Amino acid sequence: MPDTLPIPSSQLSESEYKRLCKEVRHYQLANSKTRKRSKPILKPIGQTTTVTKSLTIQQNPVDWDDLPSGSPFALDPNGVMLYTKCGSSRALCLNTMTTLPVGGASIYRVFL
């Protein structure tokens, strides 16, 4: 089997070998189709202010399946605990920032 390196490995110094390995790894990562991209880092935007805003809560309940994903809702018409629908079977509690599984519910839409 012929040697595929332009220089036999016995003639490379240790630093040259490391440099060559880095170049090969960089080339492999750059041409990889399954390369995972790093997630962006959230940065603070500066000073914040407190905003008081009133919510509008629908008085008649709707079915869980009728609510689009990402929409805020409450379990009671008073809106004590606010949630956001994360998908077809999960909700995020905005008061505690925890997720919970949901199989179905009668909920009240919240409009911001």
N, C-alpha and C. Protein backbone atom coordinates (compact mmCIF):
# COMPACT_ATOMS: atom_id res chain seq x y z
N MET A 1 0.85 -1.18 0.00
CA MET A 1 0.00 0.00 0.00
C MET A 1 0.89 1.24 0.00
N PRO A 2 0.72 2.14 -0.95
CA PRO A 2 1.59 3.30 -1.04
C PRO A 2 1.28 4.29 0.08
N ASP A 3 2.31 5.02 0.47
CA ASP A 3 2.17 6.04 1.51
C ASP A 3 1.45 7.25 0.92
N THR A 4 0.39 7.74 1.59
CA THR A 4 -0.39 8.84 1.04
C THR A 4 0.10 10.20 1.52
N LEU A 5 0.99 10.23 2.53
CA LEU A 5 1.54 11.49 3.00
C LEU A 5 2.61 11.96 2.03
N PRO A 6 2.71 13.26 1.77
CA PRO A 6 3.76 13.73 0.87
C PRO A 6 5.14 13.55 1.49
N ILE A 7 5.23 13.56 2.82
CA ILE A 7 6.50 13.36 3.51
C ILE A 7 6.32 12.17 4.43
N PRO A 8 7.16 11.20 4.41
CA PRO A 8 7.01 10.07 5.33
C PRO A 8 7.03 10.56 6.78
N SER A 9 6.23 9.91 7.63
CA SER A 9 6.10 10.36 9.00
C SER A 9 7.41 10.30 9.77
N SER A 10 8.34 9.45 9.35
CA SER A 10 9.63 9.35 10.04
C SER A 10 10.48 10.60 9.83
N GLN A 11 10.20 11.39 8.79
CA GLN A 11 10.97 12.59 8.51
C GLN A 11 10.35 13.84 9.13
N LEU A 12 9.16 13.75 9.74
CA LEU A 12 8.52 14.91 10.35
C LEU A 12 8.99 15.07 11.78
N SER A 13 9.22 16.32 12.15
CA SER A 13 9.51 16.57 13.56
C SER A 13 8.19 16.54 14.33
N GLU A 14 8.26 16.51 15.63
CA GLU A 14 7.05 16.44 16.45
C GLU A 14 6.18 17.68 16.25
N SER A 15 6.78 18.86 16.16
CA SER A 15 6.00 20.09 15.97
C SER A 15 5.35 20.12 14.58
N GLU A 16 6.06 19.63 13.55
CA GLU A 16 5.49 19.57 12.21
C GLU A 16 4.34 18.58 12.16
N TYR A 17 4.50 17.46 12.86
CA TYR A 17 3.43 16.46 12.91
C TYR A 17 2.19 17.03 13.58
N LYS A 18 2.34 17.74 14.68
CA LYS A 18 1.20 18.35 15.37
C LYS A 18 0.51 19.39 14.49
N ARG A 19 1.33 20.19 13.79
CA ARG A 19 0.77 21.21 12.89
C ARG A 19 -0.02 20.56 11.77
N LEU A 20 0.50 19.48 11.21
CA LEU A 20 -0.18 18.76 10.13
C LEU A 20 -1.49 18.15 10.64
N CYS A 21 -1.47 17.58 11.85
CA CYS A 21 -2.70 17.02 12.42
C CYS A 21 -3.76 18.10 12.63
N LYS A 22 -3.35 19.28 13.08
CA LYS A 22 -4.29 20.39 13.27
C LYS A 22 -4.90 20.81 11.94
N GLU A 23 -4.08 20.87 10.89
CA GLU A 23 -4.59 21.24 9.57
C GLU A 23 -5.58 20.21 9.05
N VAL A 24 -5.27 18.93 9.23
CA VAL A 24 -6.18 17.87 8.78
C VAL A 24 -7.49 17.95 9.55
N ARG A 25 -7.41 18.11 10.87
CA ARG A 25 -8.63 18.20 11.70
C ARG A 25 -9.46 19.42 11.30
N HIS A 26 -8.81 20.55 11.06
CA HIS A 26 -9.53 21.76 10.63
C HIS A 26 -10.22 21.52 9.29
N TYR A 27 -9.53 20.86 8.37
CA TYR A 27 -10.13 20.54 7.07
C TYR A 27 -11.32 19.61 7.23
N GLN A 28 -11.19 18.59 8.09
CA GLN A 28 -12.29 17.64 8.31
C GLN A 28 -13.51 18.34 8.91
N LEU A 29 -13.30 19.22 9.88
CA LEU A 29 -14.41 19.94 10.49
C LEU A 29 -15.08 20.89 9.51
N ALA A 30 -14.28 21.55 8.69
CA ALA A 30 -14.83 22.51 7.73
C ALA A 30 -15.67 21.82 6.66
N ASN A 31 -15.33 20.58 6.32
CA ASN A 31 -16.04 19.87 5.26
C ASN A 31 -17.03 18.84 5.77
N SER A 32 -17.24 18.79 7.05
CA SER A 32 -18.18 17.82 7.62
C SER A 32 -19.60 18.31 7.43
N LYS A 33 -20.47 17.45 6.91
CA LYS A 33 -21.87 17.81 6.71
C LYS A 33 -22.68 17.67 8.00
N THR A 34 -22.17 16.91 8.95
CA THR A 34 -22.89 16.70 10.20
C THR A 34 -22.32 17.55 11.33
N ARG A 35 -21.57 18.55 11.00
CA ARG A 35 -20.96 19.40 12.02
C ARG A 35 -22.03 20.14 12.79
N LYS A 36 -21.92 20.09 14.09
CA LYS A 36 -22.88 20.80 14.94
C LYS A 36 -22.40 22.23 15.12
N ARG A 37 -23.31 23.15 14.94
CA ARG A 37 -22.96 24.55 15.13
C ARG A 37 -23.14 24.92 16.59
N SER A 38 -22.29 25.78 17.06
CA SER A 38 -22.40 26.19 18.45
C SER A 38 -23.62 27.09 18.62
N LYS A 39 -24.21 27.01 19.79
CA LYS A 39 -25.39 27.83 20.08
C LYS A 39 -24.95 29.24 20.42
N PRO A 40 -25.73 30.24 20.00
CA PRO A 40 -25.34 31.62 20.30
C PRO A 40 -25.43 31.89 21.80
N ILE A 41 -24.59 32.75 22.28
CA ILE A 41 -24.57 33.12 23.69
C ILE A 41 -25.43 34.36 23.87
N LEU A 42 -26.34 34.30 24.84
CA LEU A 42 -27.18 35.45 25.14
C LEU A 42 -26.38 36.45 25.96
N LYS A 43 -26.47 37.70 25.60
CA LYS A 43 -25.74 38.74 26.30
C LYS A 43 -26.73 39.72 26.90
N PRO A 44 -26.42 40.29 28.05
CA PRO A 44 -27.33 41.28 28.63
C PRO A 44 -27.44 42.50 27.72
N ILE A 45 -28.60 43.10 27.71
CA ILE A 45 -28.83 44.24 26.82
C ILE A 45 -28.63 45.57 27.52
N GLY A 46 -28.30 45.57 28.79
CA GLY A 46 -28.06 46.82 29.51
C GLY A 46 -29.06 47.00 30.63
N GLN A 47 -29.36 48.23 30.92
CA GLN A 47 -30.27 48.54 32.01
C GLN A 47 -31.69 48.11 31.67
N THR A 48 -32.44 47.73 32.70
CA THR A 48 -33.82 47.31 32.51
C THR A 48 -34.73 48.18 33.36
N THR A 49 -35.97 48.24 32.96
CA THR A 49 -36.98 48.97 33.72
C THR A 49 -38.17 48.05 33.96
N THR A 50 -38.87 48.29 35.04
CA THR A 50 -40.06 47.51 35.36
C THR A 50 -41.25 48.13 34.64
N VAL A 51 -42.01 47.30 33.97
CA VAL A 51 -43.18 47.75 33.22
C VAL A 51 -44.41 47.09 33.82
N THR A 52 -45.41 47.89 34.14
CA THR A 52 -46.67 47.36 34.62
C THR A 52 -47.61 47.28 33.43
N LYS A 53 -48.16 46.08 33.21
CA LYS A 53 -49.01 45.87 32.04
C LYS A 53 -50.22 45.06 32.47
N SER A 54 -51.36 45.43 31.97
CA SER A 54 -52.56 44.66 32.29
C SER A 54 -52.75 43.57 31.23
N LEU A 55 -53.28 42.44 31.67
CA LEU A 55 -53.53 41.31 30.79
C LEU A 55 -55.01 41.21 30.49
N THR A 56 -55.32 40.73 29.32
CA THR A 56 -56.71 40.44 28.97
C THR A 56 -56.86 38.93 28.96
N ILE A 57 -57.78 38.42 29.78
CA ILE A 57 -58.01 36.99 29.88
C ILE A 57 -59.40 36.66 29.37
N GLN A 58 -59.46 35.74 28.44
CA GLN A 58 -60.73 35.32 27.86
C GLN A 58 -61.56 34.64 28.96
N GLN A 59 -62.84 34.97 29.06
CA GLN A 59 -63.67 34.48 30.16
C GLN A 59 -64.27 33.10 29.91
N ASN A 60 -64.38 32.67 28.68
CA ASN A 60 -64.88 31.32 28.43
C ASN A 60 -63.70 30.43 28.05
N PRO A 61 -63.61 29.23 28.63
CA PRO A 61 -62.45 28.36 28.39
C PRO A 61 -62.45 27.78 26.98
N VAL A 62 -61.26 27.43 26.53
CA VAL A 62 -61.07 26.78 25.24
C VAL A 62 -60.35 25.46 25.47
N ASP A 63 -60.37 24.58 24.50
CA ASP A 63 -59.71 23.29 24.59
C ASP A 63 -58.21 23.46 24.35
N TRP A 64 -57.43 22.63 25.01
CA TRP A 64 -55.98 22.66 24.90
C TRP A 64 -55.52 22.52 23.44
N ASP A 65 -56.16 21.65 22.69
CA ASP A 65 -55.75 21.40 21.31
C ASP A 65 -56.03 22.59 20.39
N ASP A 66 -56.93 23.49 20.77
CA ASP A 66 -57.24 24.65 19.95
C ASP A 66 -56.25 25.79 20.14
N LEU A 67 -55.43 25.72 21.18
CA LEU A 67 -54.47 26.79 21.46
C LEU A 67 -53.20 26.56 20.65
N PRO A 68 -52.75 27.57 19.88
CA PRO A 68 -51.51 27.39 19.11
C PRO A 68 -50.29 27.33 20.02
N SER A 69 -49.25 26.65 19.57
CA SER A 69 -48.02 26.54 20.33
C SER A 69 -47.39 27.92 20.51
N GLY A 70 -46.88 28.19 21.71
CA GLY A 70 -46.26 29.48 22.01
C GLY A 70 -47.22 30.49 22.60
N SER A 71 -48.49 30.15 22.70
CA SER A 71 -49.49 31.09 23.21
C SER A 71 -49.56 31.04 24.73
N PRO A 72 -49.72 32.20 25.37
CA PRO A 72 -49.89 32.20 26.83
C PRO A 72 -51.31 31.84 27.21
N PHE A 73 -51.46 31.21 28.39
CA PHE A 73 -52.78 30.84 28.87
C PHE A 73 -52.76 30.76 30.39
N ALA A 74 -53.93 30.67 30.99
CA ALA A 74 -54.09 30.50 32.44
C ALA A 74 -55.05 29.36 32.68
N LEU A 75 -54.95 28.76 33.87
CA LEU A 75 -55.85 27.67 34.22
C LEU A 75 -57.15 28.15 34.85
N ASP A 76 -57.17 29.42 35.28
CA ASP A 76 -58.39 30.00 35.85
C ASP A 76 -58.61 31.38 35.24
N PRO A 77 -59.85 31.91 35.28
CA PRO A 77 -60.11 33.21 34.65
C PRO A 77 -59.47 34.38 35.38
N ASN A 78 -58.90 34.16 36.56
CA ASN A 78 -58.22 35.24 37.28
C ASN A 78 -56.77 35.41 36.85
N GLY A 79 -56.19 34.40 36.22
CA GLY A 79 -54.81 34.49 35.71
C GLY A 79 -53.77 34.49 36.80
N VAL A 80 -54.01 33.73 37.88
CA VAL A 80 -53.04 33.69 38.98
C VAL A 80 -51.74 33.05 38.52
N MET A 81 -51.83 31.92 37.86
CA MET A 81 -50.65 31.23 37.32
C MET A 81 -50.71 31.33 35.80
N LEU A 82 -49.65 31.85 35.19
CA LEU A 82 -49.59 32.00 33.74
C LEU A 82 -48.68 30.93 33.15
N TYR A 83 -49.08 30.41 32.01
CA TYR A 83 -48.35 29.36 31.32
C TYR A 83 -48.19 29.73 29.85
N THR A 84 -47.27 29.04 29.20
CA THR A 84 -47.10 29.14 27.75
C THR A 84 -47.08 27.73 27.19
N LYS A 85 -47.81 27.51 26.11
CA LYS A 85 -47.84 26.20 25.47
C LYS A 85 -46.55 26.01 24.69
N CYS A 86 -45.78 24.98 25.04
CA CYS A 86 -44.48 24.72 24.40
C CYS A 86 -44.58 23.74 23.23
N GLY A 87 -45.62 22.97 23.18
CA GLY A 87 -45.79 21.97 22.14
C GLY A 87 -47.12 21.29 22.34
N SER A 88 -47.32 20.18 21.67
CA SER A 88 -48.62 19.52 21.77
C SER A 88 -48.85 18.86 23.12
N SER A 89 -47.78 18.66 23.90
CA SER A 89 -47.96 17.98 25.19
C SER A 89 -47.13 18.58 26.33
N ARG A 90 -46.67 19.84 26.19
CA ARG A 90 -45.89 20.46 27.26
C ARG A 90 -46.29 21.92 27.43
N ALA A 91 -46.17 22.38 28.68
CA ALA A 91 -46.44 23.78 28.99
C ALA A 91 -45.34 24.29 29.92
N LEU A 92 -45.04 25.56 29.82
CA LEU A 92 -44.05 26.22 30.66
C LEU A 92 -44.77 27.16 31.60
N CYS A 93 -44.57 26.99 32.91
CA CYS A 93 -45.16 27.89 33.89
C CYS A 93 -44.28 29.14 33.95
N LEU A 94 -44.85 30.31 33.67
CA LEU A 94 -44.09 31.55 33.68
C LEU A 94 -43.80 32.04 35.09
N ASN A 95 -44.55 31.59 36.08
CA ASN A 95 -44.32 31.99 37.46
C ASN A 95 -43.13 31.26 38.07
N THR A 96 -42.99 29.97 37.79
CA THR A 96 -41.92 29.17 38.37
C THR A 96 -40.84 28.78 37.37
N MET A 97 -41.07 29.01 36.08
CA MET A 97 -40.15 28.67 34.99
C MET A 97 -39.85 27.17 34.95
N THR A 98 -40.87 26.36 35.18
CA THR A 98 -40.75 24.90 35.09
C THR A 98 -41.70 24.41 34.01
N THR A 99 -41.35 23.28 33.41
CA THR A 99 -42.23 22.69 32.40
C THR A 99 -43.01 21.55 33.03
N LEU A 100 -44.16 21.26 32.45
CA LEU A 100 -44.98 20.15 32.91
C LEU A 100 -45.68 19.50 31.74
N PRO A 101 -45.89 18.19 31.81
CA PRO A 101 -46.59 17.50 30.74
C PRO A 101 -48.09 17.79 30.79
N VAL A 102 -48.71 17.89 29.62
CA VAL A 102 -50.14 18.17 29.52
C VAL A 102 -50.75 17.19 28.54
N GLY A 103 -51.80 16.51 28.97
CA GLY A 103 -52.51 15.59 28.08
C GLY A 103 -53.72 16.24 27.46
N GLY A 104 -54.28 17.20 28.13
CA GLY A 104 -55.46 17.92 27.67
C GLY A 104 -55.94 18.81 28.80
N ALA A 105 -56.63 19.87 28.47
CA ALA A 105 -57.09 20.78 29.51
C ALA A 105 -58.12 21.74 28.96
N SER A 106 -58.84 22.33 29.86
CA SER A 106 -59.73 23.43 29.53
C SER A 106 -59.03 24.69 30.08
N ILE A 107 -58.62 25.58 29.20
CA ILE A 107 -57.77 26.70 29.59
C ILE A 107 -58.37 28.03 29.15
N TYR A 108 -57.81 29.09 29.68
CA TYR A 108 -58.26 30.45 29.35
C TYR A 108 -57.12 31.17 28.64
N ARG A 109 -57.43 31.67 27.46
CA ARG A 109 -56.41 32.39 26.67
C ARG A 109 -56.04 33.68 27.38
N VAL A 110 -54.76 34.03 27.28
CA VAL A 110 -54.25 35.28 27.82
C VAL A 110 -53.71 36.10 26.67
N PHE A 111 -54.13 37.37 26.62
CA PHE A 111 -53.67 38.28 25.58
C PHE A 111 -52.83 39.37 26.23
N LEU A 112 -51.62 39.55 25.73
CA LEU A 112 -50.70 40.55 26.29
C LEU A 112 -50.90 41.90 25.65
